[in-house]
Every structure is written in structure tokens, then in C-alpha cells.
C-alpha atoms as a PDB file:
ATOM      1  CA  MET A   1     -96.271  47.453 -33.612  1.00  0.00           C
ATOM      2  CA  ARG A   2     -92.779  48.664 -32.720  1.00  0.00           C
ATOM      3  CA  ILE A   3     -89.391  47.483 -33.961  1.00  0.00           C
ATOM      4  CA  LEU A   4     -85.879  48.399 -32.860  1.00  0.00           C
ATOM      5  CA  LEU A   5     -83.456  48.545 -35.794  1.00  0.00           C
ATOM      6  CA  VAL A   6     -79.820  48.565 -34.702  1.00  0.00           C
ATOM      7  CA  GLY A   7     -77.124  49.422 -37.218  1.00  0.00           C
ATOM      8  CA  ILE A   8     -75.283  52.165 -39.091  1.00  0.00           C
ATOM      9  CA  ASN A   9     -77.811  54.052 -41.222  1.00  0.00           C
ATOM     10  CA  LYS A  10     -76.505  53.240 -44.682  1.00  0.00           C
ATOM     11  CA  GLY A  11     -76.880  50.558 -47.348  1.00  0.00           C
ATOM     12  CA  VAL A  12     -79.216  47.713 -46.451  1.00  0.00           C
ATOM     13  CA  ILE A  13     -79.992  49.103 -42.992  1.00  0.00           C
ATOM     14  CA  LYS A  14     -81.076  52.444 -44.468  1.00  0.00           C
ATOM     15  CA  GLU A  15     -83.297  50.715 -47.046  1.00  0.00           C
ATOM     16  CA  LEU A  16     -84.684  48.369 -44.409  1.00  0.00           C
ATOM     17  CA  ASN A  17     -85.532  51.322 -42.178  1.00  0.00           C
ATOM     18  CA  LEU A  18     -87.544  52.996 -44.944  1.00  0.00           C
ATOM     19  CA  LYS A  19     -89.382  49.762 -45.801  1.00  0.00           C
ATOM     20  CA  LEU A  20     -90.263  48.910 -42.201  1.00  0.00           C
ATOM     21  CA  LYS A  21     -91.607  52.409 -41.479  1.00  0.00           C
ATOM     22  CA  SER A  22     -94.437  51.812 -43.938  1.00  0.00           C
ATOM     23  CA  THR A  23     -95.824  49.175 -41.543  1.00  0.00           C
ATOM     24  CA  PHE A  24     -94.244  49.617 -38.110  1.00  0.00           C
ATOM     25  CA  ILE A  25     -93.122  52.264 -35.667  1.00  0.00           C
ATOM     26  CA  VAL A  26     -89.334  51.979 -35.955  1.00  0.00           C
ATOM     27  CA  ASP A  27     -86.807  53.152 -33.365  1.00  0.00           C
ATOM     28  CA  THR A  28     -83.185  53.214 -34.503  1.00  0.00           C
ATOM     29  CA  ALA A  29     -79.800  52.942 -32.817  1.00  0.00           C
ATOM     30  CA  ALA A  30     -76.318  52.978 -34.342  1.00  0.00           C
ATOM     31  CA  SER A  31     -74.568  51.775 -31.193  1.00  0.00           C
ATOM     32  CA  ALA A  32     -75.002  48.975 -28.692  1.00  0.00           C
ATOM     33  CA  SER A  33     -75.215  51.403 -25.779  1.00  0.00           C
ATOM     34  CA  LYS A  34     -78.221  53.205 -27.245  1.00  0.00           C
ATOM     35  CA  ALA A  35     -79.848  49.906 -28.221  1.00  0.00           C
ATOM     36  CA  ILE A  36     -79.548  48.600 -24.662  1.00  0.00           C
ATOM     37  CA  SER A  37     -81.008  51.809 -23.249  1.00  0.00           C
ATOM     38  CA  LEU A  38     -83.995  51.679 -25.608  1.00  0.00           C
ATOM     39  CA  SER A  39     -84.649  47.969 -25.100  1.00  0.00           C
ATOM     40  CA  GLU A  40     -84.728  48.373 -21.320  1.00  0.00           C
ATOM     41  CA  SER A  41     -87.435  51.054 -21.476  1.00  0.00           C
ATOM     42  CA  THR A  42     -89.502  49.904 -24.454  1.00  0.00           C
ATOM     43  CA  CYS A  43     -91.390  46.760 -25.408  1.00  0.00           C
ATOM     44  CA  TYR A  44     -90.380  45.773 -28.957  1.00  0.00           C
ATOM     45  CA  ASP A  45     -92.190  43.271 -31.150  1.00  0.00           C
ATOM     46  CA  SER A  46     -88.832  42.505 -32.728  1.00  0.00           C
ATOM     47  CA  ILE A  47     -85.225  43.718 -32.557  1.00  0.00           C
ATOM     48  CA  ILE A  48     -83.193  43.721 -35.776  1.00  0.00           C
ATOM     49  CA  ILE A  49     -79.418  43.942 -35.278  1.00  0.00           C
ATOM     50  CA  SER A  50     -76.734  44.468 -37.896  1.00  0.00           C
ATOM     51  CA  THR A  51     -73.499  42.631 -37.202  1.00  0.00           C
ATOM     52  CA  SER A  52     -71.651  45.931 -37.842  1.00  0.00           C
ATOM     53  CA  LEU A  53     -72.177  48.604 -35.167  1.00  0.00           C
ATOM     54  CA  LEU A  54     -70.312  51.704 -34.031  1.00  0.00           C
ATOM     55  CA  ASP A  55     -69.020  50.204 -30.782  1.00  0.00           C
ATOM     56  CA  ILE A  56     -69.225  46.398 -30.598  1.00  0.00           C
ATOM     57  CA  ASN A  57     -70.169  43.467 -32.812  1.00  0.00           C
ATOM     58  CA  GLY A  58     -73.897  42.849 -33.233  1.00  0.00           C
ATOM     59  CA  LEU A  59     -73.496  39.280 -32.053  1.00  0.00           C
ATOM     60  CA  GLU A  60     -72.111  40.521 -28.739  1.00  0.00           C
ATOM     61  CA  LEU A  61     -75.048  42.924 -28.416  1.00  0.00           C
ATOM     62  CA  CYS A  62     -77.462  40.040 -28.909  1.00  0.00           C
ATOM     63  CA  LYS A  63     -75.760  38.133 -26.106  1.00  0.00           C
ATOM     64  CA  MET A  64     -75.874  41.202 -23.837  1.00  0.00           C
ATOM     65  CA  LEU A  65     -79.575  41.818 -24.451  1.00  0.00           C
ATOM     66  CA  ARG A  66     -80.381  38.236 -23.512  1.00  0.00           C
ATOM     67  CA  SER A  67     -78.267  38.517 -20.353  1.00  0.00           C
ATOM     68  CA  TYR A  68     -80.294  41.610 -19.391  1.00  0.00           C
ATOM     69  CA  GLY A  69     -83.551  39.672 -19.696  1.00  0.00           C
ATOM     70  CA  VAL A  70     -84.741  41.104 -23.018  1.00  0.00           C
ATOM     71  CA  ASP A  71     -86.713  38.354 -24.755  1.00  0.00           C
ATOM     72  CA  SER A  72     -88.146  40.177 -27.778  1.00  0.00           C
ATOM     73  CA  PRO A  73     -87.459  38.150 -30.962  1.00  0.00           C
ATOM     74  CA  ILE A  74     -84.049  39.097 -32.359  1.00  0.00           C
ATOM     75  CA  ALA A  75     -82.831  38.857 -35.959  1.00  0.00           C
ATOM     76  CA  LEU A  76     -79.152  39.311 -36.815  1.00  0.00           C
ATOM     77  CA  ILE A  77     -78.452  40.935 -40.203  1.00  0.00           C
ATOM     78  CA  SER A  78     -75.139  40.285 -41.979  1.00  0.00           C
ATOM     79  CA  ASN A  79     -74.139  41.722 -45.366  1.00  0.00           C
ATOM     80  CA  SER A  80     -71.472  39.072 -45.869  1.00  0.00           C
ATOM     81  CA  ASP A  81     -71.606  35.314 -46.371  1.00  0.00           C
ATOM     82  CA  ASP A  82     -68.443  35.224 -44.243  1.00  0.00           C
ATOM     83  CA  GLY A  83     -70.403  36.600 -41.299  1.00  0.00           C
ATOM     84  CA  PRO A  84     -70.957  34.840 -37.979  1.00  0.00           C
ATOM     85  CA  ASN A  85     -71.727  31.128 -37.872  1.00  0.00           C
ATOM     86  CA  LYS A  86     -75.478  30.516 -37.607  1.00  0.00           C
ATOM     87  CA  VAL A  87     -75.163  27.992 -34.795  1.00  0.00           C
ATOM     88  CA  MET A  88     -73.102  30.477 -32.796  1.00  0.00           C
ATOM     89  CA  CYS A  89     -75.736  33.165 -33.408  1.00  0.00           C
ATOM     90  CA  PHE A  90     -78.511  30.932 -32.134  1.00  0.00           C
ATOM     91  CA  ASP A  91     -76.427  30.019 -29.102  1.00  0.00           C
ATOM     92  CA  MET A  92     -76.032  33.758 -28.389  1.00  0.00           C
ATOM     93  CA  GLY A  93     -79.813  34.190 -28.375  1.00  0.00           C
ATOM     94  CA  ALA A  94     -80.741  35.116 -31.926  1.00  0.00           C
ATOM     95  CA  ASP A  95     -84.058  33.849 -33.296  1.00  0.00           C
ATOM     96  CA  ALA A  96     -83.092  34.373 -36.941  1.00  0.00           C
ATOM     97  CA  VAL A  97     -79.924  35.024 -38.938  1.00  0.00           C
ATOM     98  CA  ILE A  98     -80.331  36.818 -42.267  1.00  0.00           C
ATOM     99  CA  PHE A  99     -77.532  37.128 -44.837  1.00  0.00           C
ATOM    100  CA  THR A 100     -78.447  40.013 -47.135  1.00  0.00           C
ATOM    101  CA  THR A 101     -76.455  38.492 -49.991  1.00  0.00           C
ATOM    102  CA  GLN A 102     -78.801  35.500 -50.033  1.00  0.00           C
ATOM    103  CA  PHE A 103     -82.180  37.202 -49.779  1.00  0.00           C
ATOM    104  CA  SER A 104     -84.063  39.987 -51.531  1.00  0.00           C
ATOM    105  CA  MET A 105     -85.393  42.896 -49.483  1.00  0.00           C
ATOM    106  CA  ASP A 106     -88.930  41.488 -49.746  1.00  0.00           C
ATOM    107  CA  GLU A 107     -87.714  38.160 -48.334  1.00  0.00           C
ATOM    108  CA  ILE A 108     -85.929  39.939 -45.477  1.00  0.00           C
ATOM    109  CA  ILE A 109     -89.120  41.858 -44.647  1.00  0.00           C
ATOM    110  CA  ALA A 110     -91.080  38.595 -44.743  1.00  0.00           C
ATOM    111  CA  GLN A 111     -88.703  36.983 -42.234  1.00  0.00           C
ATOM    112  CA  ILE A 112     -89.038  39.984 -39.939  1.00  0.00           C
ATOM    113  CA  ASN A 113     -92.834  39.736 -40.174  1.00  0.00           C
ATOM    114  CA  VAL A 114     -92.580  36.133 -38.996  1.00  0.00           C
ATOM    115  CA  LEU A 115     -90.647  37.286 -35.931  1.00  0.00           C
ATOM    116  CA  VAL A 116     -93.142  40.063 -35.227  1.00  0.00           C
ATOM    117  CA  ARG A 117     -96.004  37.554 -35.191  1.00  0.00           C
ATOM    118  CA  ARG A 118     -94.347  35.948 -32.164  1.00  0.00           C
ATOM    119  CA  ASN A 119     -95.120  39.139 -30.241  1.00  0.00           C
ATOM    120  CA  GLY A 120     -97.412  39.041 -27.240  1.00  0.00           C
ATOM    121  CA  ASN A 121     -96.008  37.677 -23.992  1.00  0.00           C
ATOM    122  CA  HIS A 122     -92.442  38.885 -23.436  1.00  0.00           C
ATOM    123  CA  SER A 123     -91.471  38.742 -19.788  1.00  0.00           C
ATOM    124  CA  ASN A 124     -89.730  42.126 -20.088  1.00  0.00           C
ATOM    125  CA  CYS A 125     -92.830  43.788 -21.544  1.00  0.00           C
ATOM    126  CA  GLU A 126     -95.874  45.289 -19.957  1.00  0.00           C
ATOM    127  CA  ASN A 127     -99.137  45.809 -21.793  1.00  0.00           C
ATOM    128  CA  PHE A 128     -99.496  49.227 -20.160  1.00  0.00           C
ATOM    129  CA  LEU A 129     -97.492  52.418 -20.175  1.00  0.00           C
ATOM    130  CA  LYS A 130     -98.215  54.490 -17.062  1.00  0.00           C
ATOM    131  CA  CYS A 131     -97.284  58.053 -16.293  1.00  0.00           C
ATOM    132  CA  GLY A 132     -98.953  59.776 -13.362  1.00  0.00           C
ATOM    133  CA  ASP A 133    -102.716  59.507 -13.762  1.00  0.00           C
ATOM    134  CA  ILE A 134    -102.571  58.494 -17.418  1.00  0.00           C
ATOM    135  CA  LYS A 135    -102.257  55.008 -18.837  1.00  0.00           C
ATOM    136  CA  LEU A 136    -101.864  53.532 -22.301  1.00  0.00           C
ATOM    137  CA  ASP A 137    -103.045  50.024 -23.091  1.00  0.00           C
ATOM    138  CA  MET A 138    -100.569  49.252 -25.874  1.00  0.00           C
ATOM    139  CA  LYS A 139    -102.104  45.904 -26.801  1.00  0.00           C
ATOM    140  CA  ASN A 140    -105.631  47.227 -27.294  1.00  0.00           C
ATOM    141  CA  LYS A 141    -104.611  50.769 -28.277  1.00  0.00           C
ATOM    142  CA  LYS A 142    -106.626  52.487 -25.547  1.00  0.00           C
ATOM    143  CA  PHE A 143    -105.880  55.595 -23.490  1.00  0.00           C
ATOM    144  CA  TYR A 144    -107.114  56.184 -19.933  1.00  0.00           C
ATOM    145  CA  ALA A 145    -107.073  59.311 -17.775  1.00  0.00           C
ATOM    146  CA  ASN A 146    -107.863  58.751 -14.098  1.00  0.00           C
ATOM    147  CA  ASP A 147    -109.047  55.261 -15.163  1.00  0.00           C
ATOM    148  CA  VAL A 148    -111.580  56.822 -17.554  1.00  0.00           C
ATOM    149  CA  PHE A 149    -111.331  55.725 -21.199  1.00  0.00           C
ATOM    150  CA  VAL A 150    -110.501  58.587 -23.578  1.00  0.00           C
ATOM    151  CA  PRO A 151    -111.024  57.801 -27.301  1.00  0.00           C
ATOM    152  CA  LEU A 152    -108.060  58.705 -29.496  1.00  0.00           C
ATOM    153  CA  GLY A 153    -107.389  58.481 -33.206  1.00  0.00           C
ATOM    154  CA  ARG A 154    -104.586  56.148 -34.290  1.00  0.00           C
ATOM    155  CA  LYS A 155    -101.990  58.892 -34.832  1.00  0.00           C
ATOM    156  CA  GLU A 156    -103.017  60.587 -31.593  1.00  0.00           C
ATOM    157  CA  PHE A 157    -102.385  57.321 -29.769  1.00  0.00           C
ATOM    158  CA  ASP A 158     -99.045  56.730 -31.538  1.00  0.00           C
ATOM    159  CA  LEU A 159     -97.912  60.268 -30.752  1.00  0.00           C
ATOM    160  CA  LEU A 160     -98.848  59.955 -27.091  1.00  0.00           C
ATOM    161  CA  GLU A 161     -97.190  56.538 -26.891  1.00  0.00           C
ATOM    162  CA  TYR A 162     -93.932  57.929 -28.289  1.00  0.00           C
ATOM    163  CA  LEU A 163     -93.958  60.823 -25.830  1.00  0.00           C
ATOM    164  CA  MET A 164     -94.603  58.487 -22.893  1.00  0.00           C
ATOM    165  CA  ILE A 165     -91.781  56.160 -23.902  1.00  0.00           C
ATOM    166  CA  HIS A 166     -89.448  59.180 -24.091  1.00  0.00           C
ATOM    167  CA  ARG A 167     -90.996  61.001 -21.149  1.00  0.00           C
ATOM    168  CA  ASP A 168     -87.630  61.941 -19.612  1.00  0.00           C
ATOM    169  CA  LYS A 169     -86.933  64.588 -22.261  1.00  0.00           C
ATOM    170  CA  PRO A 170     -88.731  66.970 -24.633  1.00  0.00           C
ATOM    171  CA  VAL A 171     -89.290  65.449 -28.071  1.00  0.00           C
ATOM    172  CA  SER A 172     -88.985  67.720 -31.109  1.00  0.00           C
ATOM    173  CA  LYS A 173     -91.655  68.049 -33.771  1.00  0.00           C
ATOM    174  CA  GLU A 174     -89.174  66.696 -36.326  1.00  0.00           C
ATOM    175  CA  GLU A 175     -88.561  63.554 -34.262  1.00  0.00           C
ATOM    176  CA  LEU A 176     -92.295  62.960 -33.877  1.00  0.00           C
ATOM    177  CA  LEU A 177     -92.834  63.346 -37.616  1.00  0.00           C
ATOM    178  CA  GLU A 178     -90.010  60.882 -38.291  1.00  0.00           C
ATOM    179  CA  HIS A 179     -91.172  58.173 -35.892  1.00  0.00           C
ATOM    180  CA  VAL A 180     -94.965  58.536 -35.814  1.00  0.00           C
ATOM    181  CA  TRP A 181     -95.787  59.365 -39.435  1.00  0.00           C
ATOM    182  CA  GLU A 182     -94.851  57.109 -42.338  1.00  0.00           C
ATOM    183  CA  LYS A 183     -92.107  58.081 -44.732  1.00  0.00           C
ATOM    184  CA  GLY A 184     -93.245  59.214 -48.151  1.00  0.00           C
ATOM    185  CA  ILE A 185     -96.584  60.575 -46.960  1.00  0.00           C
ATOM    186  CA  ASP A 186     -97.057  64.325 -47.259  1.00  0.00           C
ATOM    187  CA  VAL A 187     -98.161  65.928 -44.016  1.00  0.00           C
ATOM    188  CA  LEU A 188     -98.955  69.543 -43.255  1.00  0.00           C
ATOM    189  CA  SER A 189     -96.382  71.592 -41.353  1.00  0.00           C
ATOM    190  CA  ASN A 190     -98.772  71.941 -38.410  1.00  0.00           C
ATOM    191  CA  THR A 191     -99.742  68.255 -38.247  1.00  0.00           C
ATOM    192  CA  VAL A 192     -98.052  67.644 -34.904  1.00  0.00           C
ATOM    193  CA  GLU A 193     -99.553  70.779 -33.369  1.00  0.00           C
ATOM    194  CA  VAL A 194    -103.051  69.783 -34.527  1.00  0.00           C
ATOM    195  CA  HIS A 195    -102.761  66.304 -33.005  1.00  0.00           C
ATOM    196  CA  VAL A 196    -101.297  67.624 -29.741  1.00  0.00           C
ATOM    197  CA  ARG A 197    -104.140  70.140 -29.466  1.00  0.00           C
ATOM    198  CA  SER A 198    -106.725  67.415 -30.069  1.00  0.00           C
ATOM    199  CA  ILE A 199    -105.213  65.178 -27.360  1.00  0.00           C
ATOM    200  CA  ARG A 200    -105.174  68.077 -24.917  1.00  0.00           C
ATOM    201  CA  VAL A 201    -108.843  68.885 -25.531  1.00  0.00           C
ATOM    202  CA  LYS A 202    -109.896  65.268 -24.985  1.00  0.00           C
ATOM    203  CA  PHE A 203    -107.731  64.908 -21.881  1.00  0.00           C
ATOM    204  CA  HIS A 204    -108.833  68.239 -20.399  1.00  0.00           C
ATOM    205  CA  LYS A 205    -112.457  67.117 -20.319  1.00  0.00           C
ATOM    206  CA  ILE A 206    -111.488  64.265 -17.977  1.00  0.00           C
ATOM    207  CA  ALA A 207    -108.520  65.535 -15.958  1.00  0.00           C
ATOM    208  CA  ASN A 208    -108.661  69.323 -16.368  1.00  0.00           C
ATOM    209  CA  SER A 209    -104.997  69.558 -17.415  1.00  0.00           C
ATOM    210  CA  LYS A 210    -102.969  69.635 -20.652  1.00  0.00           C
ATOM    211  CA  VAL A 211    -101.177  66.227 -20.416  1.00  0.00           C
ATOM    212  CA  ILE A 212     -98.636  67.416 -23.038  1.00  0.00           C
ATOM    213  CA  LYS A 213     -96.445  70.409 -22.235  1.00  0.00           C
ATOM    214  CA  THR A 214     -94.779  72.567 -24.898  1.00  0.00           C
ATOM    215  CA  TYR A 215     -91.125  73.490 -24.402  1.00  0.00           C
ATOM    216  CA  ARG A 216     -90.495  76.276 -26.890  1.00  0.00           C
ATOM    217  CA  GLY A 217     -87.440  75.567 -29.007  1.00  0.00           C
ATOM    218  CA  PHE A 218     -87.195  71.969 -27.729  1.00  0.00           C
ATOM    219  CA  GLY A 219     -90.479  70.198 -28.381  1.00  0.00           C
ATOM    220  CA  TYR A 220     -93.129  68.374 -26.359  1.00  0.00           C
ATOM    221  CA  LYS A 221     -93.049  66.418 -23.127  1.00  0.00           C
ATOM    222  CA  ILE A 222     -95.573  64.463 -21.082  1.00  0.00           C
ATOM    223  CA  GLU A 223     -96.767  66.505 -18.104  1.00  0.00           C
ATOM    224  CA  THR A 224     -97.565  64.419 -15.012  1.00  0.00           C
END
């Protein structure tokens, strides 16, 4: 499951990011502009927005996302009891309003889990990611090449999913390690290379091509 966490990476947001990564794939954005860009190209099970952003207020971002047709469950996070009025937040499209001064981190995580369980039928989401002759069934975690099912391990699937979502640019090994592998778990320095090689071997048997191209000095990119 994938969550978008929007806020400046410090304090509660930084701690929340680390906690969520033990369970979810977490994309982060410090500004509204990046959050909008990500939400338009990615299906999120939940979007968590801090009221303090680099460019505009989180409440305004919530309103903008709803106006753009994004209907993933949204939680607004405020670190002050003097934050936005709850009724106003709900009117702007929020599904939950969480004041960090009133809840422990475990309680905040629990509220986010409730939102995530609403996942399934967002009008702005598709169950499939398609790129050329390859297709990912995100709901059932299945990968197809030329409509032929190719079995992948969980991390292989997550890696390929991340590359397909960000298919417009090469993705560095460091970025893949940050977003695909959980924080606090030791991984070998060649972990990404090993998984990329495994995906290529499986894909080559079906489509006779690499599927993932290496850009030396920049990272990896989906090859269509």
C-alpha cells in the first residue's frame, strides 16, 4: 500500500515518515506543487498533509486536490490546538483532522490505518500501471509482459512499480533503497542490482528485452 506524506521533514512529520515506512511505501513532498504532481500520477491509499508546508497552507492543498478530482482519503495533521477548525477542514475535503498535541504517535498511526482501509475504488485510480507491453496489476500484485504473467518476488514487484510510477526519469539506487526497502533493515550494497538483474532475467524469457535500462551515474529507468 502507498501513502503520500506532505510536510516539512522535521519533528512529527519526520517521525511519522519513519513509522509509516515500516508498513507502507511512502512518497514524500514538502510543497503543495510536488504533492499535486505526485497525486495526479499515482494512486494513493491515503494522503497525509501537514498544515505547514513550504508554499501554501495544507488546508488549501486539500481543497485543491479535491478540485482536481483526487479522492484518496486525506488526513490533515496539525501540531497546534490553535490549528484550523475541524468543520472547515471537513468542508475543504478532509476525511480526518489530527492534532498531534492530543494524540500519541501510535494513535496517529491507528487513525491513518483506518483511512487506508477505505482504499479500493477511487475514481482517480486505476488498478493497472501500463508502460508499453508491460503491465502491473497493483491490486493483486501481478506483473504481465505481453499479457503473459511473470512471477515476481515482493521487492521485485515494489521496485518495478516505483520505476513505472517515475518512468519519466532515471531513478537512483539511493532513491530506490529509500522508498522500496524499509528503514532500519540492513541491506547489501548490491541489493538493487541483484533485484534488477532478477527482473530482467524473468522478463527476457517472455519479451526478449531488458525492461529496465541502466543510466550510468543516474540510475534506472523503465525501457519501453
